[in-house]
Amino acid sequence: MIPALATLLLFQLFGEVAVLLTGAPVPGPVVGLALLLAALALRPAWLDAIKPTAQGLLQHLSLLFVPAGVGVMQHLQRLGDEALAIGVALVVSTLVGLAVSACTMVWLMRWQTRRSQGPR
């Protein structure tokens, strides 16, 4: 478990360093996760070593929302003051997300159909 956790943290560190060196507008852990995905694609055997630790972390993921919940409760007045803007942002972002997902699904279905029919 310790080597797997160290591997996960090492890839997070790699992501943080990559963002720091390049100045990319992406969070370091996201870059680290992409690097981990690439490493697992190149070395699928690593998955067996990392999977139990990753599943354990995912089972307790809800604990990471506790600090966010406390922050929301501390700023409840501000959330009330900005409720309209927050509501509009939530609705618009949800609709945009749904539209992009639907368009992507339609495109993938058409692409899969063309691919399964083969060259003409």
C-alpha atoms as a PDB file:
ATOM      1  CA  MET A   1       0.000   0.000   0.000  1.00  0.00           C
ATOM      2  CA  ILE A   2       2.804   2.442   0.838  1.00  0.00           C
ATOM      3  CA  PRO A   3       4.567   2.005  -2.546  1.00  0.00           C
ATOM      4  CA  ALA A   4       1.258   2.515  -4.378  1.00  0.00           C
ATOM      5  CA  LEU A   5       0.456   5.630  -2.347  1.00  0.00           C
ATOM      6  CA  ALA A   6       3.976   6.913  -2.962  1.00  0.00           C
ATOM      7  CA  THR A   7       3.479   6.309  -6.694  1.00  0.00           C
ATOM      8  CA  LEU A   8       0.231   8.289  -6.699  1.00  0.00           C
ATOM      9  CA  LEU A   9       1.842  11.148  -4.800  1.00  0.00           C
ATOM     10  CA  LEU A  10       4.891  11.046  -7.064  1.00  0.00           C
ATOM     11  CA  PHE A  11       2.718  11.493 -10.141  1.00  0.00           C
ATOM     12  CA  GLN A  12       0.958  14.385  -8.420  1.00  0.00           C
ATOM     13  CA  LEU A  13       4.369  15.905  -7.782  1.00  0.00           C
ATOM     14  CA  PHE A  14       5.316  15.398 -11.442  1.00  0.00           C
ATOM     15  CA  GLY A  15       2.127  17.215 -12.428  1.00  0.00           C
ATOM     16  CA  GLU A  16       2.821  20.094 -10.058  1.00  0.00           C
ATOM     17  CA  VAL A  17       6.374  20.440 -11.382  1.00  0.00           C
ATOM     18  CA  ALA A  18       5.181  20.293 -14.997  1.00  0.00           C
ATOM     19  CA  VAL A  19       2.640  23.059 -14.373  1.00  0.00           C
ATOM     20  CA  LEU A  20       5.203  25.134 -12.506  1.00  0.00           C
ATOM     21  CA  LEU A  21       7.756  24.822 -15.314  1.00  0.00           C
ATOM     22  CA  THR A  22       5.347  25.372 -18.197  1.00  0.00           C
ATOM     23  CA  GLY A  23       2.958  27.840 -16.595  1.00  0.00           C
ATOM     24  CA  ALA A  24       0.023  25.837 -17.949  1.00  0.00           C
ATOM     25  CA  PRO A  25      -3.380  27.011 -16.667  1.00  0.00           C
ATOM     26  CA  VAL A  26      -4.228  23.510 -15.420  1.00  0.00           C
ATOM     27  CA  PRO A  27      -4.078  22.205 -11.849  1.00  0.00           C
ATOM     28  CA  GLY A  28      -0.995  20.131 -11.143  1.00  0.00           C
ATOM     29  CA  PRO A  29      -2.919  17.105  -9.853  1.00  0.00           C
ATOM     30  CA  VAL A  30      -4.864  16.961 -13.118  1.00  0.00           C
ATOM     31  CA  VAL A  31      -1.623  16.900 -15.106  1.00  0.00           C
ATOM     32  CA  GLY A  32      -0.282  14.275 -12.717  1.00  0.00           C
ATOM     33  CA  LEU A  33      -3.384  12.163 -13.254  1.00  0.00           C
ATOM     34  CA  ALA A  34      -2.928  12.443 -17.034  1.00  0.00           C
ATOM     35  CA  LEU A  35       0.697  11.377 -16.637  1.00  0.00           C
ATOM     36  CA  LEU A  36      -0.408   8.430 -14.494  1.00  0.00           C
ATOM     37  CA  LEU A  37      -2.937   7.462 -17.151  1.00  0.00           C
ATOM     38  CA  ALA A  38      -0.209   7.541 -19.799  1.00  0.00           C
ATOM     39  CA  ALA A  39       2.094   5.477 -17.586  1.00  0.00           C
ATOM     40  CA  LEU A  40      -0.627   2.897 -16.983  1.00  0.00           C
ATOM     41  CA  ALA A  41      -1.346   2.744 -20.715  1.00  0.00           C
ATOM     42  CA  LEU A  42       2.319   2.017 -21.349  1.00  0.00           C
ATOM     43  CA  ARG A  43       2.717  -0.366 -18.384  1.00  0.00           C
ATOM     44  CA  PRO A  44      -0.646  -2.076 -17.684  1.00  0.00           C
ATOM     45  CA  ALA A  45       0.988  -4.335 -15.071  1.00  0.00           C
ATOM     46  CA  TRP A  46       1.308  -1.313 -12.754  1.00  0.00           C
ATOM     47  CA  LEU A  47      -2.467  -1.207 -12.493  1.00  0.00           C
ATOM     48  CA  ASP A  48      -2.563  -4.289 -10.272  1.00  0.00           C
ATOM     49  CA  ALA A  49      -0.159  -2.636  -7.828  1.00  0.00           C
ATOM     50  CA  ILE A  50      -2.017   0.685  -7.670  1.00  0.00           C
ATOM     51  CA  LYS A  51      -5.640  -0.456  -7.919  1.00  0.00           C
ATOM     52  CA  PRO A  52      -6.252  -1.540  -4.264  1.00  0.00           C
ATOM     53  CA  THR A  53      -4.876   1.718  -2.870  1.00  0.00           C
ATOM     54  CA  ALA A  54      -6.796   3.804  -5.404  1.00  0.00           C
ATOM     55  CA  GLN A  55     -10.019   1.961  -4.593  1.00  0.00           C
ATOM     56  CA  GLY A  56      -9.449   2.546  -0.894  1.00  0.00           C
ATOM     57  CA  LEU A  57      -9.005   6.257  -1.501  1.00  0.00           C
ATOM     58  CA  LEU A  58     -12.125   6.380  -3.672  1.00  0.00           C
ATOM     59  CA  GLN A  59     -14.189   4.623  -0.983  1.00  0.00           C
ATOM     60  CA  HIS A  60     -13.397   7.463   1.413  1.00  0.00           C
ATOM     61  CA  LEU A  61     -13.614  10.275  -1.136  1.00  0.00           C
ATOM     62  CA  SER A  62     -16.657  11.732   0.602  1.00  0.00           C
ATOM     63  CA  LEU A  63     -14.444  12.754   3.538  1.00  0.00           C
ATOM     64  CA  LEU A  64     -12.741  15.253   1.237  1.00  0.00           C
ATOM     65  CA  PHE A  65     -16.025  17.152   0.926  1.00  0.00           C
ATOM     66  CA  VAL A  66     -16.193  17.908   4.660  1.00  0.00           C
ATOM     67  CA  PRO A  67     -13.844  20.946   4.445  1.00  0.00           C
ATOM     68  CA  ALA A  68     -15.818  22.265   1.485  1.00  0.00           C
ATOM     69  CA  GLY A  69     -19.059  21.888   3.435  1.00  0.00           C
ATOM     70  CA  VAL A  70     -17.575  23.773   6.372  1.00  0.00           C
ATOM     71  CA  GLY A  71     -16.462  26.552   4.008  1.00  0.00           C
ATOM     72  CA  VAL A  72     -19.966  26.802   2.582  1.00  0.00           C
ATOM     73  CA  MET A  73     -21.435  27.113   6.049  1.00  0.00           C
ATOM     74  CA  GLN A  74     -18.944  29.839   6.973  1.00  0.00           C
ATOM     75  CA  HIS A  75     -19.863  31.875   3.890  1.00  0.00           C
ATOM     76  CA  LEU A  76     -23.603  31.241   3.919  1.00  0.00           C
ATOM     77  CA  GLN A  77     -24.435  34.970   4.006  1.00  0.00           C
ATOM     78  CA  ARG A  78     -22.309  35.633   0.917  1.00  0.00           C
ATOM     79  CA  LEU A  79     -23.919  32.710  -0.897  1.00  0.00           C
ATOM     80  CA  GLY A  80     -27.315  34.227  -0.099  1.00  0.00           C
ATOM     81  CA  ASP A  81     -26.205  37.613  -1.419  1.00  0.00           C
ATOM     82  CA  GLU A  82     -24.971  36.062  -4.667  1.00  0.00           C
ATOM     83  CA  ALA A  83     -27.690  33.428  -5.045  1.00  0.00           C
ATOM     84  CA  LEU A  84     -28.947  34.721  -8.412  1.00  0.00           C
ATOM     85  CA  ALA A  85     -25.507  34.724 -10.021  1.00  0.00           C
ATOM     86  CA  ILE A  86     -24.694  31.301  -8.592  1.00  0.00           C
ATOM     87  CA  GLY A  87     -28.040  29.911  -9.729  1.00  0.00           C
ATOM     88  CA  VAL A  88     -27.641  31.260 -13.263  1.00  0.00           C
ATOM     89  CA  ALA A  89     -24.077  29.916 -13.462  1.00  0.00           C
ATOM     90  CA  LEU A  90     -25.204  26.483 -12.278  1.00  0.00           C
ATOM     91  CA  VAL A  91     -28.108  26.280 -14.722  1.00  0.00           C
ATOM     92  CA  VAL A  92     -26.121  27.559 -17.716  1.00  0.00           C
ATOM     93  CA  SER A  93     -23.102  25.352 -17.009  1.00  0.00           C
ATOM     94  CA  THR A  94     -25.365  22.317 -16.590  1.00  0.00           C
ATOM     95  CA  LEU A  95     -27.121  23.002 -19.892  1.00  0.00           C
ATOM     96  CA  VAL A  96     -23.811  23.566 -21.700  1.00  0.00           C
ATOM     97  CA  GLY A  97     -22.420  20.358 -20.197  1.00  0.00           C
ATOM     98  CA  LEU A  98     -25.474  18.404 -21.299  1.00  0.00           C
ATOM     99  CA  ALA A  99     -25.331  19.868 -24.812  1.00  0.00           C
ATOM    100  CA  VAL A 100     -21.627  19.119 -25.206  1.00  0.00           C
ATOM    101  CA  SER A 101     -22.121  15.590 -23.891  1.00  0.00           C
ATOM    102  CA  ALA A 102     -25.032  14.994 -26.278  1.00  0.00           C
ATOM    103  CA  CYS A 103     -23.097  16.338 -29.275  1.00  0.00           C
ATOM    104  CA  THR A 104     -20.091  14.215 -28.341  1.00  0.00           C
ATOM    105  CA  MET A 105     -22.282  11.117 -28.021  1.00  0.00           C
ATOM    106  CA  VAL A 106     -23.912  11.736 -31.409  1.00  0.00           C
ATOM    107  CA  TRP A 107     -20.500  12.251 -33.006  1.00  0.00           C
ATOM    108  CA  LEU A 108     -19.111   9.074 -31.419  1.00  0.00           C
ATOM    109  CA  MET A 109     -22.134   7.036 -32.506  1.00  0.00           C
ATOM    110  CA  ARG A 110     -21.760   8.262 -36.099  1.00  0.00           C
ATOM    111  CA  TRP A 111     -18.013   7.630 -35.995  1.00  0.00           C
ATOM    112  CA  GLN A 112     -18.545   4.089 -34.655  1.00  0.00           C
ATOM    113  CA  THR A 113     -21.151   3.389 -37.349  1.00  0.00           C
ATOM    114  CA  ARG A 114     -18.798   4.550 -40.101  1.00  0.00           C
ATOM    115  CA  ARG A 115     -15.951   2.549 -38.576  1.00  0.00           C
ATOM    116  CA  SER A 116     -17.990  -0.661 -38.306  1.00  0.00           C
ATOM    117  CA  GLN A 117     -19.160  -0.386 -41.931  1.00  0.00           C
ATOM    118  CA  GLY A 118     -15.550  -0.291 -43.106  1.00  0.00           C
ATOM    119  CA  PRO A 119     -14.162   1.313 -46.258  1.00  0.00           C
ATOM    120  CA  ARG A 120     -16.472   1.526 -49.237  1.00  0.00           C
END
